N, C-alpha and C. Protein backbone atom coordinates (compact mmCIF):
# COMPACT_ATOMS: atom_id res chain seq x y z
N MET A 1 0.15 36.32 23.04
CA MET A 1 1.13 35.96 24.04
C MET A 1 1.55 34.50 23.92
N ALA A 2 0.61 33.62 23.50
CA ALA A 2 0.93 32.20 23.39
C ALA A 2 1.96 31.93 22.30
N ALA A 3 2.00 32.78 21.28
CA ALA A 3 2.98 32.61 20.21
C ALA A 3 4.38 32.95 20.68
N PHE A 4 4.49 33.66 21.76
CA PHE A 4 5.79 34.06 22.29
C PHE A 4 6.48 32.93 23.05
N ILE A 5 5.70 31.96 23.56
CA ILE A 5 6.25 30.85 24.35
C ILE A 5 7.20 29.97 23.53
N PRO A 6 6.85 29.55 22.29
CA PRO A 6 7.83 28.75 21.52
C PRO A 6 9.12 29.52 21.24
N PHE A 7 9.02 30.83 21.07
CA PHE A 7 10.22 31.63 20.85
C PHE A 7 11.12 31.59 22.08
N LYS A 8 10.51 31.75 23.26
CA LYS A 8 11.30 31.72 24.49
C LYS A 8 11.94 30.36 24.70
N LEU A 9 11.20 29.30 24.39
CA LEU A 9 11.73 27.96 24.54
C LEU A 9 12.90 27.71 23.59
N SER A 10 12.76 28.13 22.33
CA SER A 10 13.86 27.94 21.38
C SER A 10 15.07 28.77 21.77
N LEU A 11 14.86 29.96 22.30
CA LEU A 11 15.97 30.79 22.76
C LEU A 11 16.68 30.12 23.94
N LEU A 12 15.92 29.56 24.87
CA LEU A 12 16.51 28.88 26.02
C LEU A 12 17.33 27.67 25.57
N LEU A 13 16.78 26.86 24.67
CA LEU A 13 17.52 25.69 24.18
C LEU A 13 18.77 26.10 23.42
N SER A 14 18.69 27.16 22.68
CA SER A 14 19.86 27.65 21.96
C SER A 14 20.95 28.09 22.93
N LEU A 15 20.57 28.80 23.97
CA LEU A 15 21.56 29.24 24.96
C LEU A 15 22.17 28.06 25.70
N LEU A 16 21.35 27.09 26.08
CA LEU A 16 21.86 25.92 26.79
C LEU A 16 22.81 25.09 25.93
N SER A 17 22.50 24.97 24.65
CA SER A 17 23.38 24.18 23.79
C SER A 17 24.72 24.87 23.57
N ASN A 18 24.74 26.18 23.57
CA ASN A 18 26.01 26.90 23.41
C ASN A 18 26.85 26.87 24.67
N ILE A 19 26.20 26.79 25.82
CA ILE A 19 26.93 26.74 27.08
C ILE A 19 27.52 25.36 27.32
N GLY A 20 26.85 24.34 26.81
CA GLY A 20 27.37 22.99 26.96
C GLY A 20 26.57 22.10 27.90
N PHE A 21 25.35 22.52 28.26
CA PHE A 21 24.54 21.70 29.13
C PHE A 21 23.87 20.54 28.39
N LEU A 22 23.67 20.70 27.11
CA LEU A 22 23.08 19.62 26.33
C LEU A 22 24.19 18.75 25.78
N PRO A 23 23.96 17.43 25.68
CA PRO A 23 25.02 16.54 25.22
C PRO A 23 25.36 16.78 23.76
N GLU A 24 26.62 16.61 23.43
CA GLU A 24 27.11 16.74 22.06
C GLU A 24 27.62 15.40 21.61
N THR A 25 27.61 15.16 20.31
CA THR A 25 28.24 13.97 19.79
C THR A 25 29.72 14.23 19.66
N SER A 26 30.48 13.29 20.06
CA SER A 26 31.93 13.44 20.04
C SER A 26 32.49 12.89 18.74
N LYS A 27 33.54 13.51 18.24
CA LYS A 27 34.20 13.03 17.04
C LYS A 27 34.96 11.74 17.32
N ASN A 28 35.20 11.45 18.59
CA ASN A 28 35.92 10.24 18.96
C ASN A 28 35.02 9.02 19.04
N ASP A 29 33.72 9.17 18.77
CA ASP A 29 32.78 8.07 18.89
C ASP A 29 32.76 7.15 17.67
N VAL A 30 33.60 7.39 16.68
CA VAL A 30 33.63 6.54 15.48
C VAL A 30 34.14 5.17 15.87
N GLY A 31 33.43 4.13 15.45
CA GLY A 31 33.84 2.76 15.74
C GLY A 31 33.32 2.24 17.07
N ILE A 32 32.61 3.06 17.83
CA ILE A 32 32.05 2.63 19.10
C ILE A 32 30.61 2.21 18.85
N PHE A 33 30.26 1.01 19.30
CA PHE A 33 28.91 0.52 19.09
C PHE A 33 27.93 1.21 20.02
N PRO A 34 26.67 1.38 19.59
CA PRO A 34 25.66 1.97 20.45
C PRO A 34 25.38 1.04 21.63
N PRO A 35 24.84 1.58 22.72
CA PRO A 35 24.60 0.76 23.92
C PRO A 35 23.68 -0.43 23.67
N THR A 36 22.79 -0.34 22.68
CA THR A 36 21.88 -1.46 22.43
C THR A 36 22.60 -2.68 21.91
N CYS A 37 23.79 -2.53 21.33
CA CYS A 37 24.52 -3.68 20.80
C CYS A 37 25.01 -4.60 21.92
N ASN A 38 25.01 -4.14 23.14
CA ASN A 38 25.38 -5.00 24.25
C ASN A 38 24.22 -5.88 24.68
N ARG A 39 22.99 -5.50 24.29
CA ARG A 39 21.80 -6.22 24.73
C ARG A 39 21.13 -7.00 23.61
N ILE A 40 21.20 -6.50 22.39
CA ILE A 40 20.55 -7.17 21.27
C ILE A 40 21.54 -7.36 20.13
N GLU A 41 21.15 -8.14 19.15
CA GLU A 41 22.02 -8.40 18.01
C GLU A 41 22.13 -7.16 17.14
N CYS A 42 23.35 -6.81 16.76
CA CYS A 42 23.58 -5.68 15.88
C CYS A 42 23.95 -6.18 14.49
N PRO A 43 23.61 -5.45 13.46
CA PRO A 43 23.93 -5.90 12.11
C PRO A 43 25.43 -5.93 11.87
N SER A 44 25.90 -6.96 11.17
CA SER A 44 27.33 -7.02 10.84
C SER A 44 27.58 -6.18 9.60
N PHE A 45 28.79 -5.64 9.50
CA PHE A 45 29.12 -4.76 8.39
C PHE A 45 30.62 -4.80 8.14
N ASP A 46 31.01 -4.35 6.96
CA ASP A 46 32.42 -4.17 6.60
C ASP A 46 32.69 -2.68 6.55
N LEU A 47 33.81 -2.26 7.12
CA LEU A 47 34.20 -0.86 7.05
C LEU A 47 34.83 -0.59 5.69
N ILE A 48 34.28 0.35 4.96
CA ILE A 48 34.81 0.72 3.66
C ILE A 48 35.83 1.83 3.81
N GLU A 49 35.50 2.83 4.61
CA GLU A 49 36.39 3.97 4.81
C GLU A 49 36.12 4.58 6.18
N VAL A 50 37.18 5.03 6.83
CA VAL A 50 37.06 5.73 8.10
C VAL A 50 37.67 7.10 7.91
N GLY A 51 36.89 8.13 8.21
CA GLY A 51 37.36 9.50 8.06
C GLY A 51 37.33 10.23 9.38
N ASN A 52 37.43 11.52 9.32
CA ASN A 52 37.44 12.37 10.50
C ASN A 52 36.01 12.50 11.05
N GLY A 53 35.63 11.63 11.95
CA GLY A 53 34.31 11.69 12.56
C GLY A 53 33.23 10.93 11.81
N TYR A 54 33.59 10.07 10.86
CA TYR A 54 32.58 9.30 10.14
C TYR A 54 33.14 7.96 9.70
N GLU A 55 32.23 7.05 9.39
CA GLU A 55 32.57 5.76 8.82
C GLU A 55 31.64 5.48 7.65
N ILE A 56 32.17 4.87 6.61
CA ILE A 56 31.34 4.38 5.51
C ILE A 56 31.31 2.87 5.68
N ARG A 57 30.09 2.33 5.80
CA ARG A 57 29.92 0.90 6.06
C ARG A 57 29.14 0.23 4.94
N ARG A 58 29.43 -1.05 4.74
CA ARG A 58 28.64 -1.89 3.83
C ARG A 58 28.04 -2.99 4.69
N TYR A 59 26.72 -2.97 4.80
CA TYR A 59 26.03 -3.95 5.63
C TYR A 59 25.74 -5.21 4.83
N ASN A 60 25.70 -6.34 5.53
CA ASN A 60 25.38 -7.61 4.90
C ASN A 60 23.90 -7.64 4.53
N SER A 61 23.47 -8.72 3.92
CA SER A 61 22.08 -8.82 3.47
C SER A 61 21.12 -8.74 4.65
N THR A 62 19.90 -8.36 4.34
CA THR A 62 18.87 -8.20 5.37
C THR A 62 17.80 -9.27 5.23
N ILE A 63 17.01 -9.42 6.26
CA ILE A 63 15.87 -10.32 6.24
C ILE A 63 14.62 -9.46 6.42
N TRP A 64 13.70 -9.54 5.47
CA TRP A 64 12.47 -8.75 5.53
C TRP A 64 11.33 -9.62 6.02
N VAL A 65 10.47 -9.03 6.82
CA VAL A 65 9.31 -9.72 7.36
C VAL A 65 8.07 -8.91 6.98
N THR A 66 7.02 -9.60 6.57
CA THR A 66 5.78 -8.91 6.22
C THR A 66 4.62 -9.51 7.00
N THR A 67 3.54 -8.78 7.07
CA THR A 67 2.31 -9.25 7.69
C THR A 67 1.14 -8.72 6.88
N SER A 68 0.01 -9.34 7.03
CA SER A 68 -1.16 -8.85 6.31
C SER A 68 -1.60 -7.51 6.91
N PRO A 69 -2.36 -6.71 6.16
CA PRO A 69 -2.80 -5.41 6.69
C PRO A 69 -3.58 -5.57 7.99
N ILE A 70 -3.34 -4.66 8.90
CA ILE A 70 -3.97 -4.71 10.22
C ILE A 70 -5.16 -3.76 10.20
N GLN A 71 -6.36 -4.31 10.40
CA GLN A 71 -7.59 -3.52 10.30
C GLN A 71 -7.97 -2.87 11.63
N ASP A 72 -7.41 -3.36 12.73
CA ASP A 72 -7.79 -2.86 14.05
C ASP A 72 -7.20 -1.48 14.28
N ILE A 73 -7.94 -0.61 14.97
CA ILE A 73 -7.46 0.74 15.26
C ILE A 73 -6.61 0.76 16.53
N SER A 74 -6.66 -0.31 17.32
CA SER A 74 -5.94 -0.36 18.59
C SER A 74 -4.45 -0.59 18.34
N LEU A 75 -3.62 0.25 18.93
CA LEU A 75 -2.17 0.10 18.82
C LEU A 75 -1.73 -1.21 19.47
N VAL A 76 -2.34 -1.58 20.58
CA VAL A 76 -1.97 -2.82 21.27
C VAL A 76 -2.27 -4.02 20.39
N GLU A 77 -3.45 -4.08 19.80
CA GLU A 77 -3.81 -5.20 18.95
C GLU A 77 -2.95 -5.23 17.68
N ALA A 78 -2.67 -4.07 17.12
CA ALA A 78 -1.82 -4.02 15.94
C ALA A 78 -0.41 -4.50 16.26
N THR A 79 0.10 -4.16 17.42
CA THR A 79 1.42 -4.61 17.82
C THR A 79 1.43 -6.11 18.02
N ARG A 80 0.40 -6.64 18.63
CA ARG A 80 0.31 -8.10 18.82
C ARG A 80 0.26 -8.81 17.48
N THR A 81 -0.53 -8.30 16.55
CA THR A 81 -0.66 -8.93 15.24
C THR A 81 0.64 -8.83 14.46
N GLY A 82 1.27 -7.68 14.51
CA GLY A 82 2.46 -7.46 13.69
C GLY A 82 3.74 -8.04 14.24
N PHE A 83 3.84 -8.18 15.56
CA PHE A 83 5.13 -8.55 16.13
C PHE A 83 5.12 -9.79 17.02
N LEU A 84 3.97 -10.33 17.36
CA LEU A 84 3.96 -11.51 18.23
C LEU A 84 3.51 -12.73 17.50
């Protein structure tokens, strides 16, 4: 009986997505920045091509950051070591 639960859940999600209760990506969203770009720095890029529902972008150079291996098993300590 427990194997039947994932089937029922996938059937429910399938029905809801066809009815329109789940959000869809719009084809008109090309060129619109994600909400995080209003709060944090977004990478700059050049538009190479704009098509029907897509963009081809060339991003500028990146900056890579490294840290020594983290031996601690704690996620909190690893986050402090790696990002603070």
